[in-house]
């Protein structure tokens, strides 16, 4: 496959992703959206859509995966320079709140879990995998880091849901302190 072909594929996928996000932001219900509507919004046809995704849910899963990957990269970059860190250090949580704040619409879909079943677990599992393996805590804890990661990540999910339900009124810096 040539690099120009790769660019065309990436451009088409980007257009399809943007089209679905646009339609959802307009208030369209995911369950009633057709492949044809998404393809038309992206200025392509159904055949093109199906050459990239099996259905609208598959496209949404891909969008979620992209945002989760970007969140993990952003989070990883934020703590790597810190070295060992305390489990209660707000800097550890700030990057997550910042990224969610910057991408509120997508993360409201992921975190609330109403659009795509299992999205909350995918969100939490992604963070658990990263924090359980990569973060070095300076605290001497009576609990293993992977167990602490599961506990804190799923507890944070409730906090993220609360924040989303409050229309993200507070800034990330305030939420990371709580």
Protein backbone atom coordinates (compact mmCIF):
# COMPACT_ATOMS: atom_id res chain seq x y z
CA UNK A 1 0.00 0.00 0.00
CA UNK A 2 1.46 3.38 -0.99
CA UNK A 3 1.73 6.29 1.38
CA UNK A 4 -0.80 8.30 -0.69
CA UNK A 5 -3.27 5.46 -0.28
CA UNK A 6 -2.62 5.46 3.46
CA UNK A 7 -3.36 9.19 3.60
CA UNK A 8 -6.63 8.70 1.73
CA UNK A 9 -7.68 5.93 4.10
CA UNK A 10 -6.80 8.02 7.14
CA UNK A 11 -8.57 11.06 5.70
CA UNK A 12 -11.73 9.02 5.01
CA UNK A 13 -11.71 7.49 8.48
CA UNK A 14 -11.22 10.95 9.99
CA UNK A 15 -14.19 12.28 7.99
CA UNK A 16 -16.40 9.38 9.09
CA UNK A 17 -15.43 9.89 12.74
CA UNK A 18 -16.07 13.63 12.53
CA UNK A 19 -19.42 12.99 10.84
CA UNK A 20 -20.63 10.66 13.60
CA UNK A 21 -19.50 13.05 16.33
CA UNK A 22 -21.23 15.92 14.54
CA UNK A 23 -24.50 13.99 14.25
CA UNK A 24 -24.39 12.96 17.92
CA UNK A 25 -23.68 16.55 18.98
CA UNK A 26 -26.71 17.64 16.96
CA UNK A 27 -28.76 15.35 19.16
CA UNK A 28 -29.25 12.36 16.87
CA UNK A 29 -29.84 9.10 18.72
CA UNK A 30 -27.12 6.56 17.96
CA UNK A 31 -29.67 3.73 17.72
CA UNK A 32 -31.61 5.54 15.03
CA UNK A 33 -28.60 6.69 12.99
CA UNK A 34 -28.03 4.77 9.78
CA UNK A 35 -24.78 4.08 8.00
CA UNK A 36 -26.18 6.12 5.10
CA UNK A 37 -26.71 9.20 7.29
CA UNK A 38 -23.16 9.02 8.65
CA UNK A 39 -21.71 8.43 5.18
CA UNK A 40 -23.67 11.36 3.72
CA UNK A 41 -22.51 13.65 6.53
CA UNK A 42 -18.93 12.56 5.73
CA UNK A 43 -19.56 13.13 2.00
CA UNK A 44 -18.89 9.54 1.05
CA UNK A 45 -21.08 6.54 0.29
CA UNK A 46 -22.16 3.39 2.16
CA UNK A 47 -19.65 1.19 0.34
CA UNK A 48 -16.84 3.45 1.53
CA UNK A 49 -18.21 3.33 5.06
CA UNK A 50 -18.36 -0.48 5.02
CA UNK A 51 -14.81 -0.72 3.70
CA UNK A 52 -13.68 0.82 7.00
CA UNK A 53 -16.29 -0.14 9.63
CA UNK A 54 -18.85 -2.91 10.01
CA UNK A 55 -21.55 -0.61 11.46
CA UNK A 56 -22.10 2.65 13.34
CA UNK A 57 -21.30 0.99 16.69
CA UNK A 58 -17.95 -0.17 15.29
CA UNK A 59 -17.19 3.41 14.23
CA UNK A 60 -18.12 4.69 17.71
CA UNK A 61 -15.91 2.03 19.34
CA UNK A 62 -13.03 3.19 17.17
CA UNK A 63 -13.64 6.80 18.19
CA UNK A 64 -13.70 5.77 21.87
CA UNK A 65 -10.49 3.78 21.43
CA UNK A 66 -8.78 6.78 19.79
CA UNK A 67 -9.75 9.08 22.66
CA UNK A 68 -8.78 6.54 25.32
CA UNK A 69 -5.39 6.07 23.66
CA UNK A 70 -4.87 9.84 23.57
CA UNK A 71 -5.94 10.11 27.22
CA UNK A 72 -3.41 7.47 28.23
CA UNK A 73 -0.65 9.21 26.27
CA UNK A 74 -1.52 12.57 27.86
CA UNK A 75 -1.68 11.00 31.31
CA UNK A 76 1.61 9.11 30.82
CA UNK A 77 3.41 12.27 29.70
CA UNK A 78 2.15 14.14 32.75
CA UNK A 79 3.61 11.83 35.37
CA UNK A 80 6.77 10.49 33.73
CA UNK A 81 8.87 13.48 34.77
CA UNK A 82 7.61 13.27 38.36
CA UNK A 83 9.44 10.08 39.31
CA UNK A 84 7.97 8.48 42.40
CA UNK A 85 4.74 10.12 43.45
CA UNK A 86 2.33 9.89 46.35
CA UNK A 87 -1.01 8.20 45.72
CA UNK A 88 -2.71 11.34 47.07
CA UNK A 89 -0.74 13.81 44.92
CA UNK A 90 -3.31 15.81 42.93
CA UNK A 91 -0.87 16.11 40.01
CA UNK A 92 -1.49 12.42 39.37
CA UNK A 93 -5.18 13.06 38.72
CA UNK A 94 -4.98 16.51 37.15
CA UNK A 95 -3.98 15.28 33.68
CA UNK A 96 -7.01 12.99 33.51
CA UNK A 97 -9.37 15.79 34.50
CA UNK A 98 -7.71 18.17 32.02
CA UNK A 99 -8.03 15.78 29.11
CA UNK A 100 -11.63 14.92 29.93
CA UNK A 101 -12.41 18.63 30.27
CA UNK A 102 -10.89 19.32 26.83
CA UNK A 103 -12.94 16.48 25.30
CA UNK A 104 -16.14 16.72 27.33
CA UNK A 105 -18.56 15.55 24.69
CA UNK A 106 -16.82 12.26 23.88
CA UNK A 107 -16.03 11.51 27.50
CA UNK A 108 -19.59 12.21 28.56
CA UNK A 109 -20.58 9.40 26.16
CA UNK A 110 -17.84 7.08 27.46
CA UNK A 111 -18.16 7.80 31.16
CA UNK A 112 -21.92 7.83 31.40
CA UNK A 113 -21.97 4.52 29.51
CA UNK A 114 -25.43 5.10 28.10
CA UNK A 115 -24.51 5.04 24.41
CA UNK A 116 -22.14 2.09 24.20
CA UNK A 117 -22.45 -0.68 26.78
CA UNK A 118 -19.15 -1.49 28.45
CA UNK A 119 -17.55 1.89 27.72
CA UNK A 120 -17.17 2.65 31.44
CA UNK A 121 -15.28 -0.59 31.98
CA UNK A 122 -13.08 0.05 28.95
CA UNK A 123 -12.29 3.51 30.33
CA UNK A 124 -11.43 2.16 33.78
CA UNK A 125 -9.54 -0.89 32.53
CA UNK A 126 -7.37 1.33 30.32
CA UNK A 127 -6.41 3.50 33.29
CA UNK A 128 -5.90 0.50 35.58
CA UNK A 129 -3.53 -1.15 33.09
CA UNK A 130 -1.46 2.00 32.89
CA UNK A 131 -1.40 2.98 36.55
CA UNK A 132 -0.93 -0.54 37.86
CA UNK A 133 2.16 -1.12 35.76
CA UNK A 134 3.84 2.23 35.25
CA UNK A 135 3.34 4.53 38.21
CA UNK A 136 5.92 4.32 40.94
CA UNK A 137 4.47 5.32 44.29
CA UNK A 138 6.69 6.62 47.06
CA UNK A 139 4.12 5.63 49.68
CA UNK A 140 4.61 2.50 51.73
CA UNK A 141 1.13 1.06 51.34
CA UNK A 142 -0.46 -1.98 52.95
CA UNK A 143 -2.07 -2.78 49.60
CA UNK A 144 -0.54 -3.81 46.27
CA UNK A 145 -0.40 -1.16 43.55
CA UNK A 146 -2.66 -3.08 41.10
CA UNK A 147 -5.36 -3.40 43.77
CA UNK A 148 -5.04 0.29 44.61
CA UNK A 149 -5.28 1.11 40.90
CA UNK A 150 -8.55 -0.79 40.55
CA UNK A 151 -9.98 0.77 43.68
CA UNK A 152 -9.00 4.35 42.87
CA UNK A 153 -9.93 4.13 39.18
CA UNK A 154 -13.42 2.75 39.74
CA UNK A 155 -13.98 5.16 42.63
CA UNK A 156 -12.89 7.98 40.33
CA UNK A 157 -15.44 6.82 37.76
CA UNK A 158 -18.19 7.83 40.17
CA UNK A 159 -16.52 11.18 40.59
CA UNK A 160 -16.27 11.63 36.78
CA UNK A 161 -19.96 10.72 36.38
CA UNK A 162 -20.88 13.28 39.05
CA UNK A 163 -18.76 15.91 37.25
CA UNK A 164 -20.43 15.12 33.91
CA UNK A 165 -23.89 15.24 35.47
CA UNK A 166 -23.04 18.69 36.85
CA UNK A 167 -22.23 19.82 33.28
CA UNK A 168 -18.52 20.01 34.14
CA UNK A 169 -19.04 23.20 36.16
CA UNK A 170 -15.77 22.95 38.07
CA UNK A 171 -12.37 23.34 36.45
CA UNK A 172 -10.00 20.34 36.32
CA UNK A 173 -7.73 21.88 38.98
CA UNK A 174 -10.61 22.02 41.46
CA UNK A 175 -11.73 18.47 40.70
CA UNK A 176 -8.22 17.03 41.02
CA UNK A 177 -7.98 18.43 44.56
CA UNK A 178 -11.13 16.66 45.72
